[in-house]
C-alpha atoms as a PDB file:
ATOM      1  CA  MET A   1      31.913  -6.261 -12.048  1.00  0.00           C
ATOM      2  CA  ASP A   2      34.333  -8.905 -10.777  1.00  0.00           C
ATOM      3  CA  ASP A   3      35.445 -10.621 -13.981  1.00  0.00           C
ATOM      4  CA  GLU A   4      37.459 -13.181 -12.024  1.00  0.00           C
ATOM      5  CA  LYS A   5      34.426 -14.657 -10.310  1.00  0.00           C
ATOM      6  CA  THR A   6      33.715 -18.133 -11.622  1.00  0.00           C
ATOM      7  CA  LEU A   7      30.959 -18.383 -14.185  1.00  0.00           C
ATOM      8  CA  ARG A   8      28.644 -21.351 -13.957  1.00  0.00           C
ATOM      9  CA  LEU A   9      28.357 -23.827 -16.775  1.00  0.00           C
ATOM     10  CA  VAL A  10      25.878 -22.763 -19.470  1.00  0.00           C
ATOM     11  CA  ILE A  11      24.082 -25.675 -21.161  1.00  0.00           C
ATOM     12  CA  ASP A  12      21.744 -25.661 -24.150  1.00  0.00           C
ATOM     13  CA  PRO A  13      18.256 -25.804 -22.567  1.00  0.00           C
ATOM     14  CA  ALA A  14      17.072 -27.930 -25.504  1.00  0.00           C
ATOM     15  CA  LEU A  15      19.131 -30.877 -24.212  1.00  0.00           C
ATOM     16  CA  PRO A  16      17.232 -33.516 -22.197  1.00  0.00           C
ATOM     17  CA  GLN A  17      17.361 -33.111 -18.439  1.00  0.00           C
ATOM     18  CA  GLU A  18      19.230 -36.410 -18.083  1.00  0.00           C
ATOM     19  CA  ILE A  19      22.035 -35.175 -20.343  1.00  0.00           C
ATOM     20  CA  ARG A  20      22.169 -31.864 -18.506  1.00  0.00           C
ATOM     21  CA  LYS A  21      22.650 -33.721 -15.199  1.00  0.00           C
ATOM     22  CA  ILE A  22      25.480 -35.808 -16.664  1.00  0.00           C
ATOM     23  CA  LEU A  23      27.258 -32.695 -17.979  1.00  0.00           C
ATOM     24  CA  LEU A  24      26.854 -30.933 -14.636  1.00  0.00           C
ATOM     25  CA  SER A  25      28.077 -33.951 -12.660  1.00  0.00           C
ATOM     26  CA  ASP A  26      31.748 -33.433 -13.576  1.00  0.00           C
ATOM     27  CA  PRO A  27      32.572 -30.172 -15.401  1.00  0.00           C
ATOM     28  CA  THR A  28      36.284 -31.073 -15.336  1.00  0.00           C
ATOM     29  CA  MET A  29      35.626 -33.505 -18.207  1.00  0.00           C
ATOM     30  CA  LEU A  30      34.186 -30.768 -20.420  1.00  0.00           C
ATOM     31  CA  ALA A  31      36.122 -28.871 -23.075  1.00  0.00           C
ATOM     32  CA  PRO A  32      35.609 -25.235 -24.130  1.00  0.00           C
ATOM     33  CA  ALA A  33      33.389 -24.848 -27.186  1.00  0.00           C
ATOM     34  CA  SER A  34      36.060 -22.629 -28.698  1.00  0.00           C
ATOM     35  CA  GLY A  35      38.519 -25.551 -28.723  1.00  0.00           C
ATOM     36  CA  SER A  36      38.572 -29.143 -29.905  1.00  0.00           C
ATOM     37  CA  PRO A  37      36.134 -31.681 -28.447  1.00  0.00           C
ATOM     38  CA  PRO A  38      37.473 -34.235 -25.958  1.00  0.00           C
ATOM     39  CA  SER A  39      39.148 -37.179 -27.676  1.00  0.00           C
ATOM     40  CA  PRO A  40      37.502 -40.591 -27.442  1.00  0.00           C
ATOM     41  CA  PRO A  41      39.379 -42.912 -25.082  1.00  0.00           C
ATOM     42  CA  ARG A  42      41.903 -45.349 -26.437  1.00  0.00           C
ATOM     43  CA  ARG A  43      41.396 -47.697 -23.507  1.00  0.00           C
ATOM     44  CA  GLY A  44      39.657 -47.838 -20.182  1.00  0.00           C
ATOM     45  CA  GLY A  45      36.182 -46.760 -19.108  1.00  0.00           C
ATOM     46  CA  ARG A  46      34.471 -48.386 -16.223  1.00  0.00           C
ATOM     47  CA  SER A  47      30.743 -47.636 -16.131  1.00  0.00           C
ATOM     48  CA  ALA A  48      28.436 -50.380 -14.790  1.00  0.00           C
ATOM     49  CA  LYS A  49      26.570 -50.449 -18.088  1.00  0.00           C
ATOM     50  CA  LEU A  50      29.731 -51.123 -20.057  1.00  0.00           C
ATOM     51  CA  MET A  51      30.893 -53.733 -17.552  1.00  0.00           C
ATOM     52  CA  GLY A  52      27.676 -55.615 -18.335  1.00  0.00           C
ATOM     53  CA  THR A  53      28.334 -55.225 -22.052  1.00  0.00           C
ATOM     54  CA  ALA A  54      31.855 -56.622 -21.618  1.00  0.00           C
ATOM     55  CA  PHE A  55      30.475 -59.629 -19.722  1.00  0.00           C
ATOM     56  CA  GLY A  56      27.965 -60.360 -22.499  1.00  0.00           C
ATOM     57  CA  MET A  57      30.599 -60.026 -25.207  1.00  0.00           C
ATOM     58  CA  ALA A  58      33.012 -62.296 -23.312  1.00  0.00           C
ATOM     59  CA  THR A  59      30.329 -64.957 -22.877  1.00  0.00           C
ATOM     60  CA  ALA A  60      29.308 -64.891 -26.542  1.00  0.00           C
ATOM     61  CA  SER A  61      32.897 -64.853 -27.772  1.00  0.00           C
ATOM     62  CA  GLY A  62      33.805 -67.735 -25.475  1.00  0.00           C
ATOM     63  CA  PHE A  63      31.222 -70.011 -27.077  1.00  0.00           C
ATOM     64  CA  LEU A  64      31.634 -68.703 -30.623  1.00  0.00           C
ATOM     65  CA  PRO A  65      35.145 -67.261 -31.002  1.00  0.00           C
ATOM     66  CA  ILE A  66      34.827 -67.584 -34.768  1.00  0.00           C
ATOM     67  CA  VAL A  67      32.179 -64.829 -34.560  1.00  0.00           C
ATOM     68  CA  GLY A  68      33.429 -62.825 -31.572  1.00  0.00           C
ATOM     69  CA  ALA A  69      37.127 -62.597 -32.471  1.00  0.00           C
ATOM     70  CA  PRO A  70      36.575 -60.759 -35.800  1.00  0.00           C
ATOM     71  CA  ILE A  71      34.254 -58.288 -34.039  1.00  0.00           C
ATOM     72  CA  LEU A  72      36.763 -57.613 -31.271  1.00  0.00           C
ATOM     73  CA  LEU A  73      39.996 -57.769 -33.260  1.00  0.00           C
ATOM     74  CA  GLY A  74      38.963 -57.063 -36.829  1.00  0.00           C
ATOM     75  CA  MET A  75      38.692 -59.465 -39.754  1.00  0.00           C
ATOM     76  CA  MET A  76      42.391 -59.595 -40.631  1.00  0.00           C
ATOM     77  CA  VAL A  77      43.542 -60.737 -37.199  1.00  0.00           C
ATOM     78  CA  GLY A  78      40.347 -61.879 -35.562  1.00  0.00           C
ATOM     79  CA  LEU A  79      39.047 -64.301 -38.183  1.00  0.00           C
ATOM     80  CA  PRO A  80      42.121 -66.585 -38.261  1.00  0.00           C
ATOM     81  CA  MET A  81      42.322 -66.547 -34.463  1.00  0.00           C
ATOM     82  CA  GLY A  82      38.607 -67.264 -34.192  1.00  0.00           C
ATOM     83  CA  ILE A  83      38.861 -70.244 -36.546  1.00  0.00           C
ATOM     84  CA  VAL A  84      41.774 -71.702 -34.571  1.00  0.00           C
ATOM     85  CA  ALA A  85      40.023 -71.139 -31.233  1.00  0.00           C
ATOM     86  CA  GLN A  86      36.756 -72.622 -32.468  1.00  0.00           C
ATOM     87  CA  ALA A  87      38.586 -75.691 -33.796  1.00  0.00           C
ATOM     88  CA  GLY A  88      40.444 -76.050 -30.494  1.00  0.00           C
ATOM     89  CA  LEU A  89      37.207 -75.991 -28.500  1.00  0.00           C
ATOM     90  CA  GLY A  90      35.748 -78.645 -30.773  1.00  0.00           C
ATOM     91  CA  LEU A  91      38.775 -80.885 -30.243  1.00  0.00           C
ATOM     92  CA  VAL A  92      38.576 -80.460 -26.458  1.00  0.00           C
ATOM     93  CA  TRP A  93      34.933 -81.604 -26.499  1.00  0.00           C
ATOM     94  CA  TRP A  94      35.731 -84.497 -28.831  1.00  0.00           C
ATOM     95  CA  HIS A  95      38.732 -85.822 -26.921  1.00  0.00           C
ATOM     96  CA  GLN A  96      38.123 -84.695 -23.304  1.00  0.00           C
ATOM     97  CA  GLY A  97      34.348 -84.734 -23.008  1.00  0.00           C
ATOM     98  CA  PHE A  98      31.645 -82.184 -22.223  1.00  0.00           C
ATOM     99  CA  TRP A  99      32.660 -81.291 -18.647  1.00  0.00           C
ATOM    100  CA  THR A 100      36.241 -80.542 -19.604  1.00  0.00           C
ATOM    101  CA  PHE A 101      34.889 -78.486 -22.500  1.00  0.00           C
ATOM    102  CA  MET A 102      32.720 -76.471 -20.065  1.00  0.00           C
ATOM    103  CA  GLN A 103      35.684 -75.856 -17.754  1.00  0.00           C
ATOM    104  CA  VAL A 104      37.725 -74.567 -20.676  1.00  0.00           C
ATOM    105  CA  GLU A 105      34.767 -72.395 -21.752  1.00  0.00           C
ATOM    106  CA  VAL A 106      34.439 -70.798 -18.317  1.00  0.00           C
ATOM    107  CA  ALA A 107      38.179 -70.129 -18.156  1.00  0.00           C
ATOM    108  CA  LEU A 108      38.150 -68.649 -21.670  1.00  0.00           C
ATOM    109  CA  GLN A 109      35.172 -66.401 -20.908  1.00  0.00           C
ATOM    110  CA  PHE A 110      36.794 -65.159 -17.709  1.00  0.00           C
ATOM    111  CA  LEU A 111      40.025 -64.432 -19.574  1.00  0.00           C
ATOM    112  CA  LEU A 112      38.153 -62.541 -22.307  1.00  0.00           C
ATOM    113  CA  PHE A 113      36.203 -60.535 -19.739  1.00  0.00           C
ATOM    114  CA  VAL A 114      39.406 -59.458 -17.986  1.00  0.00           C
ATOM    115  CA  LEU A 115      41.043 -58.549 -21.286  1.00  0.00           C
ATOM    116  CA  LEU A 116      38.024 -56.514 -22.364  1.00  0.00           C
ATOM    117  CA  ILE A 117      37.948 -54.591 -19.084  1.00  0.00           C
ATOM    118  CA  VAL A 118      41.688 -53.928 -19.098  1.00  0.00           C
ATOM    119  CA  PHE A 119      42.214 -53.212 -22.787  1.00  0.00           C
ATOM    120  CA  GLY A 120      38.717 -52.596 -24.101  1.00  0.00           C
ATOM    121  CA  VAL A 121      37.828 -49.252 -25.695  1.00  0.00           C
ATOM    122  CA  TRP A 122      35.067 -48.099 -23.347  1.00  0.00           C
ATOM    123  CA  GLU A 123      33.930 -44.627 -22.412  1.00  0.00           C
ATOM    124  CA  ASP A 124      32.505 -43.239 -19.190  1.00  0.00           C
ATOM    125  CA  GLU A 125      29.072 -41.670 -19.752  1.00  0.00           C
ATOM    126  CA  ARG A 126      30.331 -38.301 -18.509  1.00  0.00           C
ATOM    127  CA  ALA A 127      33.270 -38.336 -20.941  1.00  0.00           C
ATOM    128  CA  GLU A 128      30.980 -39.487 -23.726  1.00  0.00           C
ATOM    129  CA  ALA A 129      28.483 -36.686 -23.044  1.00  0.00           C
ATOM    130  CA  ALA A 130      31.312 -34.129 -22.934  1.00  0.00           C
ATOM    131  CA  ARG A 131      32.456 -35.275 -26.378  1.00  0.00           C
ATOM    132  CA  VAL A 132      29.079 -35.870 -28.050  1.00  0.00           C
ATOM    133  CA  TYR A 133      27.542 -32.585 -26.877  1.00  0.00           C
ATOM    134  CA  HIS A 134      30.642 -30.455 -27.320  1.00  0.00           C
ATOM    135  CA  GLY A 135      29.554 -27.014 -28.524  1.00  0.00           C
ATOM    136  CA  ARG A 136      26.231 -27.247 -26.704  1.00  0.00           C
ATOM    137  CA  TYR A 137      27.740 -26.069 -23.435  1.00  0.00           C
ATOM    138  CA  PHE A 138      29.992 -23.144 -22.568  1.00  0.00           C
ATOM    139  CA  LEU A 139      32.714 -22.888 -19.943  1.00  0.00           C
ATOM    140  CA  GLN A 140      34.311 -19.776 -18.477  1.00  0.00           C
ATOM    141  CA  ALA A 141      37.210 -20.261 -20.906  1.00  0.00           C
ATOM    142  CA  ASP A 142      34.828 -19.572 -23.796  1.00  0.00           C
ATOM    143  CA  PHE A 143      34.416 -15.947 -22.718  1.00  0.00           C
ATOM    144  CA  ALA A 144      37.193 -13.392 -23.144  1.00  0.00           C
ATOM    145  CA  GLU A 145      38.205 -12.069 -19.727  1.00  0.00           C
ATOM    146  CA  ASP A 146      39.537  -8.722 -20.902  1.00  0.00           C
ATOM    147  CA  ASP A 147      39.445  -7.836 -24.603  1.00  0.00           C
ATOM    148  CA  ARG A 148      38.523  -4.184 -24.479  1.00  0.00           C
ATOM    149  CA  ARG A 149      40.881  -3.369 -27.344  1.00  0.00           C
ATOM    150  CA  TRP A 150      38.756  -5.315 -29.851  1.00  0.00           C
ATOM    151  CA  LEU A 151      35.407  -5.757 -28.140  1.00  0.00           C
ATOM    152  CA  GLY A 152      35.201  -2.738 -25.873  1.00  0.00           C
ATOM    153  CA  ALA A 153      34.155  -4.837 -22.871  1.00  0.00           C
ATOM    154  CA  SER A 154      34.868  -8.044 -20.983  1.00  0.00           C
ATOM    155  CA  MET A 155      32.734 -10.894 -22.328  1.00  0.00           C
ATOM    156  CA  ALA A 156      33.218 -12.877 -19.110  1.00  0.00           C
ATOM    157  CA  GLY A 157      32.090  -9.874 -17.079  1.00  0.00           C
ATOM    158  CA  THR A 158      29.019  -9.373 -19.280  1.00  0.00           C
ATOM    159  CA  MET A 159      28.096 -13.065 -18.956  1.00  0.00           C
ATOM    160  CA  LEU A 160      28.497 -12.834 -15.207  1.00  0.00           C
ATOM    161  CA  ARG A 161      26.131  -9.856 -15.115  1.00  0.00           C
ATOM    162  CA  ALA A 162      23.503 -11.856 -16.994  1.00  0.00           C
ATOM    163  CA  GLN A 163      23.845 -14.839 -14.667  1.00  0.00           C
ATOM    164  CA  LYS A 164      23.604 -12.676 -11.557  1.00  0.00           C
ATOM    165  CA  ALA A 165      20.439 -11.013 -12.876  1.00  0.00           C
ATOM    166  CA  ILE A 166      18.861 -14.387 -13.679  1.00  0.00           C
ATOM    167  CA  ASP A 167      19.787 -15.723 -10.224  1.00  0.00           C
ATOM    168  CA  THR A 168      18.197 -12.698  -8.575  1.00  0.00           C
ATOM    169  CA  VAL A 169      14.887 -13.466 -10.273  1.00  0.00           C
ATOM    170  CA  GLN A 170      15.043 -17.235  -9.793  1.00  0.00           C
ATOM    171  CA  GLU A 171      15.927 -16.977  -6.104  1.00  0.00           C
ATOM    172  CA  SER A 172      13.492 -14.181  -5.246  1.00  0.00           C
ATOM    173  CA  LYS A 173      10.893 -14.488  -2.501  1.00  0.00           C
ATOM    174  CA  VAL A 174       8.123 -13.153  -4.723  1.00  0.00           C
ATOM    175  CA  LYS A 175       8.837 -15.894  -7.258  1.00  0.00           C
ATOM    176  CA  ALA A 176       8.789 -18.552  -4.537  1.00  0.00           C
ATOM    177  CA  ALA A 177       5.471 -17.111  -3.320  1.00  0.00           C
ATOM    178  CA  GLY A 178       3.988 -17.376  -6.821  1.00  0.00           C
ATOM    179  CA  LEU A 179       3.676 -13.625  -7.302  1.00  0.00           C
ATOM    180  CA  LEU A 180       5.659 -13.778 -10.561  1.00  0.00           C
ATOM    181  CA  ASP A 181       4.643 -15.868 -13.555  1.00  0.00           C
ATOM    182  CA  ASP A 182       6.596 -19.050 -12.874  1.00  0.00           C
ATOM    183  CA  ALA A 183       6.048 -20.814 -16.215  1.00  0.00           C
ATOM    184  CA  PRO A 184       7.392 -18.025 -18.453  1.00  0.00           C
ATOM    185  CA  ASP A 185      10.438 -17.531 -16.218  1.00  0.00           C
ATOM    186  CA  GLU A 186      11.249 -21.253 -16.036  1.00  0.00           C
ATOM    187  CA  ILE A 187      11.203 -21.437 -19.833  1.00  0.00           C
ATOM    188  CA  THR A 188      12.419 -17.988 -20.803  1.00  0.00           C
ATOM    189  CA  LEU A 189      15.332 -17.301 -18.467  1.00  0.00           C
ATOM    190  CA  PRO A 190      17.378 -20.419 -19.391  1.00  0.00           C
ATOM    191  CA  TRP A 191      16.929 -19.505 -23.066  1.00  0.00           C
ATOM    192  CA  GLN A 192      17.943 -15.928 -22.364  1.00  0.00           C
ATOM    193  CA  GLU A 193      21.108 -17.172 -20.655  1.00  0.00           C
ATOM    194  CA  TRP A 194      21.893 -19.603 -23.497  1.00  0.00           C
ATOM    195  CA  GLU A 195      21.381 -17.086 -26.300  1.00  0.00           C
ATOM    196  CA  ILE A 196      23.462 -14.453 -24.514  1.00  0.00           C
ATOM    197  CA  ALA A 197      26.194 -17.042 -23.929  1.00  0.00           C
ATOM    198  CA  GLN A 198      26.176 -18.013 -27.624  1.00  0.00           C
ATOM    199  CA  SER A 199      26.621 -14.394 -28.681  1.00  0.00           C
ATOM    200  CA  LEU A 200      29.344 -13.616 -26.148  1.00  0.00           C
ATOM    201  CA  ALA A 201      31.269 -16.828 -26.897  1.00  0.00           C
ATOM    202  CA  GLU A 202      31.205 -16.110 -30.630  1.00  0.00           C
ATOM    203  CA  LEU A 203      32.340 -12.521 -30.074  1.00  0.00           C
ATOM    204  CA  SER A 204      35.131 -13.818 -27.837  1.00  0.00           C
ATOM    205  CA  ARG A 205      36.233 -16.266 -30.539  1.00  0.00           C
ATOM    206  CA  VAL A 206      36.367 -13.589 -33.254  1.00  0.00           C
ATOM    207  CA  GLY A 207      38.071 -11.110 -30.946  1.00  0.00           C
ATOM    208  CA  ARG A 208      40.759 -13.670 -30.097  1.00  0.00           C
ATOM    209  CA  GLN A 209      41.349 -14.410 -33.772  1.00  0.00           C
ATOM    210  CA  LEU A 210      41.832 -10.718 -34.537  1.00  0.00           C
ATOM    211  CA  ALA A 211      44.117 -10.283 -31.541  1.00  0.00           C
ATOM    212  CA  SER A 212      46.202 -13.266 -32.657  1.00  0.00           C
ATOM    213  CA  ALA A 213      46.463 -11.986 -36.234  1.00  0.00           C
ATOM    214  CA  ALA A 214      47.559  -8.525 -35.089  1.00  0.00           C
ATOM    215  CA  GLN A 215      49.764  -9.688 -32.229  1.00  0.00           C
ATOM    216  CA  GLY A 216      52.787  -7.438 -31.801  1.00  0.00           C
ATOM    217  CA  VAL A 217      51.577  -4.792 -34.252  1.00  0.00           C
ATOM    218  CA  GLU A 218      48.305  -3.746 -32.611  1.00  0.00           C
ATOM    219  CA  ASP A 219      49.434  -0.127 -32.344  1.00  0.00           C
ATOM    220  CA  SER A 220      50.452   0.158 -35.981  1.00  0.00           C
ATOM    221  CA  GLU A 221      48.434   2.836 -37.751  1.00  0.00           C
ATOM    222  CA  ARG A 222      48.080   0.654 -40.844  1.00  0.00           C
ATOM    223  CA  VAL A 223      46.825  -2.284 -38.767  1.00  0.00           C
ATOM    224  CA  LYS A 224      44.398  -0.032 -36.919  1.00  0.00           C
ATOM    225  CA  ALA A 225      43.053   1.264 -40.223  1.00  0.00           C
ATOM    226  CA  ALA A 226      42.775  -2.254 -41.688  1.00  0.00           C
ATOM    227  CA  THR A 227      40.838  -3.548 -38.688  1.00  0.00           C
ATOM    228  CA  ALA A 228      38.691  -0.472 -38.027  1.00  0.00           C
ATOM    229  CA  SER A 229      35.600  -1.920 -39.710  1.00  0.00           C
ATOM    230  CA  GLN A 230      35.914  -5.247 -37.871  1.00  0.00           C
ATOM    231  CA  ARG A 231      36.421  -3.459 -34.572  1.00  0.00           C
ATOM    232  CA  LYS A 232      33.374  -1.270 -35.182  1.00  0.00           C
ATOM    233  CA  ALA A 233      31.167  -4.242 -36.131  1.00  0.00           C
ATOM    234  CA  LEU A 234      32.291  -6.251 -33.115  1.00  0.00           C
ATOM    235  CA  GLN A 235      31.681  -3.416 -30.676  1.00  0.00           C
ATOM    236  CA  ALA A 236      28.232  -2.787 -32.186  1.00  0.00           C
ATOM    237  CA  SER A 237      27.390  -6.463 -31.607  1.00  0.00           C
ATOM    238  CA  VAL A 238      28.693  -6.246 -28.052  1.00  0.00           C
ATOM    239  CA  ALA A 239      26.511  -3.189 -27.455  1.00  0.00           C
ATOM    240  CA  ALA A 240      23.429  -5.075 -28.688  1.00  0.00           C
ATOM    241  CA  VAL A 241      24.088  -8.027 -26.364  1.00  0.00           C
ATOM    242  CA  THR A 242      24.818  -5.634 -23.506  1.00  0.00           C
ATOM    243  CA  GLU A 243      21.416  -3.998 -24.006  1.00  0.00           C
ATOM    244  CA  ARG A 244      19.834  -7.421 -23.621  1.00  0.00           C
ATOM    245  CA  VAL A 245      21.791  -8.008 -20.408  1.00  0.00           C
ATOM    246  CA  GLU A 246      20.754  -4.591 -19.124  1.00  0.00           C
ATOM    247  CA  ALA A 247      17.108  -5.504 -19.760  1.00  0.00           C
ATOM    248  CA  LEU A 248      17.656  -8.612 -17.626  1.00  0.00           C
ATOM    249  CA  GLU A 249      19.237  -6.456 -14.933  1.00  0.00           C
ATOM    250  CA  ARG A 250      16.266  -4.093 -14.930  1.00  0.00           C
ATOM    251  CA  TYR A 251      13.946  -7.063 -14.473  1.00  0.00           C
ATOM    252  CA  ALA A 252      16.162  -8.289 -11.633  1.00  0.00           C
ATOM    253  CA  GLU A 253      16.168  -4.836  -9.995  1.00  0.00           C
ATOM    254  CA  ARG A 254      12.370  -4.652 -10.119  1.00  0.00           C
ATOM    255  CA  THR A 255      12.140  -8.165  -8.724  1.00  0.00           C
ATOM    256  CA  HIS A 256      14.559  -7.281  -5.931  1.00  0.00           C
ATOM    257  CA  ALA A 257      12.471  -4.201  -5.095  1.00  0.00           C
ATOM    258  CA  ALA A 258       9.372  -6.400  -5.024  1.00  0.00           C
ATOM    259  CA  ASP A 259      11.217  -8.761  -2.673  1.00  0.00           C
ATOM    260  CA  ILE A 260      11.959  -5.931  -0.252  1.00  0.00           C
ATOM    261  CA  ALA A 261       8.365  -4.713  -0.384  1.00  0.00           C
ATOM    262  CA  TYR A 262       7.102  -8.256   0.081  1.00  0.00           C
ATOM    263  CA  ARG A 263       9.287  -8.828   3.148  1.00  0.00           C
ATOM    264  CA  GLU A 264       8.173  -5.473   4.525  1.00  0.00           C
ATOM    265  CA  TRP A 265       4.550  -6.398   3.970  1.00  0.00           C
ATOM    266  CA  GLN A 266       5.081  -9.754   5.688  1.00  0.00           C
ATOM    267  CA  ALA A 267       6.638  -8.035   8.709  1.00  0.00           C
ATOM    268  CA  LEU A 268       3.832  -5.492   8.929  1.00  0.00           C
ATOM    269  CA  GLN A 269       1.277  -8.256   8.565  1.00  0.00           C
ATOM    270  CA  GLU A 270       2.796 -10.130  11.496  1.00  0.00           C
ATOM    271  CA  LEU A 271       3.094  -7.030  13.648  1.00  0.00           C
ATOM    272  CA  ALA A 272      -0.262  -5.464  12.977  1.00  0.00           C
ATOM    273  CA  GLU A 273      -3.445  -6.715  14.569  1.00  0.00           C
ATOM    274  CA  PHE A 274      -5.860  -7.194  11.721  1.00  0.00           C
ATOM    275  CA  ASP A 275      -9.276  -8.684  12.111  1.00  0.00           C
ATOM    276  CA  ASP A 276     -10.279 -11.709  10.000  1.00  0.00           C
ATOM    277  CA  ASP A 277     -11.984  -9.631   7.330  1.00  0.00           C
ATOM    278  CA  ALA A 278      -8.945  -7.424   6.811  1.00  0.00           C
ATOM    279  CA  ILE A 279      -6.575 -10.415   6.512  1.00  0.00           C
ATOM    280  CA  GLU A 280      -8.854 -12.047   3.963  1.00  0.00           C
ATOM    281  CA  VAL A 281      -8.968  -8.860   1.895  1.00  0.00           C
ATOM    282  CA  LEU A 282      -5.168  -8.507   2.046  1.00  0.00           C
ATOM    283  CA  ALA A 283      -4.514 -12.094   0.944  1.00  0.00           C
ATOM    284  CA  ARG A 284      -6.948 -11.756  -1.953  1.00  0.00           C
ATOM    285  CA  SER A 285      -5.360  -8.484  -3.005  1.00  0.00           C
ATOM    286  CA  VAL A 286      -1.863 -10.023  -3.180  1.00  0.00           C
ATOM    287  CA  ARG A 287      -3.079 -12.932  -5.332  1.00  0.00           C
ATOM    288  CA  ASP A 288      -4.810 -10.500  -7.691  1.00  0.00           C
ATOM    289  CA  GLU A 289      -1.668  -8.358  -8.011  1.00  0.00           C
ATOM    290  CA  LEU A 290      -3.130  -5.998  -5.392  1.00  0.00           C
ATOM    291  CA  ALA A 291      -5.600  -4.452  -7.832  1.00  0.00           C
ATOM    292  CA  VAL A 292      -8.727  -4.181  -5.689  1.00  0.00           C
ATOM    293  CA  ASP A 293      -9.722  -0.542  -5.418  1.00  0.00           C
ATOM    294  CA  GLU A 294     -11.700  -1.004  -2.207  1.00  0.00           C
ATOM    295  CA  ILE A 295      -8.592  -1.638  -0.081  1.00  0.00           C
ATOM    296  CA  ASP A 296      -6.383   1.183  -1.347  1.00  0.00           C
ATOM    297  CA  ASP A 297      -6.534   3.000   1.973  1.00  0.00           C
ATOM    298  CA  LEU A 298      -5.744  -0.125   3.949  1.00  0.00           C
ATOM    299  CA  ALA A 299      -2.878  -0.978   1.568  1.00  0.00           C
ATOM    300  CA  ASP A 300      -1.346   2.454   2.088  1.00  0.00           C
ATOM    301  CA  GLN A 301      -1.402   1.914   5.848  1.00  0.00           C
ATOM    302  CA  THR A 302       0.176  -1.567   5.798  1.00  0.00           C
ATOM    303  CA  GLY A 303       2.867  -1.209   3.129  1.00  0.00           C
ATOM    304  CA  LEU A 304       0.835  -3.276   0.684  1.00  0.00           C
ATOM    305  CA  ALA A 305       0.745  -0.446  -1.821  1.00  0.00           C
ATOM    306  CA  THR A 306       4.540  -0.535  -2.082  1.00  0.00           C
ATOM    307  CA  LEU A 307       4.450  -4.262  -2.763  1.00  0.00           C
ATOM    308  CA  ARG A 308       1.766  -3.777  -5.408  1.00  0.00           C
ATOM    309  CA  THR A 309       3.846  -1.124  -7.165  1.00  0.00           C
ATOM    310  CA  SER A 310       7.020  -3.201  -6.989  1.00  0.00           C
ATOM    311  CA  LEU A 311       5.325  -6.275  -8.422  1.00  0.00           C
ATOM    312  CA  ARG A 312       3.788  -4.233 -11.233  1.00  0.00           C
ATOM    313  CA  GLU A 313       7.213  -2.795 -12.088  1.00  0.00           C
ATOM    314  CA  ALA A 314       8.750  -6.293 -12.123  1.00  0.00           C
ATOM    315  CA  HIS A 315       6.076  -7.523 -14.532  1.00  0.00           C
ATOM    316  CA  LEU A 316       6.587  -4.470 -16.748  1.00  0.00           C
ATOM    317  CA  ALA A 317      10.352  -5.039 -16.777  1.00  0.00           C
ATOM    318  CA  ARG A 318       9.831  -8.629 -17.872  1.00  0.00           C
ATOM    319  CA  ASN A 319       7.520  -7.461 -20.686  1.00  0.00           C
ATOM    320  CA  VAL A 320      10.158  -4.979 -21.845  1.00  0.00           C
ATOM    321  CA  LEU A 321      12.720  -7.805 -21.836  1.00  0.00           C
ATOM    322  CA  ALA A 322      10.413  -9.918 -24.005  1.00  0.00           C
ATOM    323  CA  GLU A 323       9.973  -7.106 -26.514  1.00  0.00           C
ATOM    324  CA  HIS A 324      13.690  -6.341 -26.489  1.00  0.00           C
ATOM    325  CA  THR A 325      14.599  -9.946 -27.337  1.00  0.00           C
ATOM    326  CA  GLY A 326      12.123 -10.395 -30.161  1.00  0.00           C
ATOM    327  CA  GLY A 327       9.331 -11.979 -28.179  1.00  0.00           C
ATOM    328  CA  THR A 328      11.268 -15.026 -26.957  1.00  0.00           C
ATOM    329  CA  ALA A 329      10.154 -14.293 -23.397  1.00  0.00           C
END
């Protein structure tokens, strides 16, 4: 297993699709779940939505600075400034007339808008999602690359194995042809990936803490004795997660075998000269998981029997995976 291969982002499947798209749009803004969440911005942010908000705030504050200034600057500073500004606007109207007042208003609103955009505390929706949903996504940095001393395996490598198995199923020809149960896979496999990621990330976190605590004295007999129980518990947990990943891999292997048989059947179907009745029987047999006894002989001659067996094994592997993971599949 190539541990250095990049892992894809793992996102909590319970999050709305819109949030998932935002998180996926710029992974560089995300922070590992094992670390601190991204800090809110002190200034800046330039989304179209917030530009509109700044325009509305500038307009309202321009007409009623006695209300807007305390909101923008706080009561201690904003209220006195708002009172002065409001009084100044009233004097302009009183002494210079309405049109001069309107010109001053427009200039004031423009100035406030520029100040809000330049110095306002805004936040890009991608940065906001990265901060708000921190801990509900995992990056490659969340998984220990090589911690065999404490965990007995690479957590990044184990996560990669799970993702490759899931991709094999999701990208298979038999799935695209509707020969696997699409609905269970669409729901189950993302949850399988998420739950495996949660376990591996937590194991990585604990393993790193132990490694940090024992840094420099890992080979001490007293340290080994003191951490023996933790090491044993961690490696037992790793073994349990690995069994789950292996169940996914078995499902992927069966699906891959079904893919090969399906492609073989397609080739034989194109090459052979079947009459209309035979083609109709073959198509019906594939949709019914190839369970029609009357065409067993024909299936043996065309490679259809191999496809039937491969599909049955893929379905059985998925059922084993469901049982192995407590029925979540």
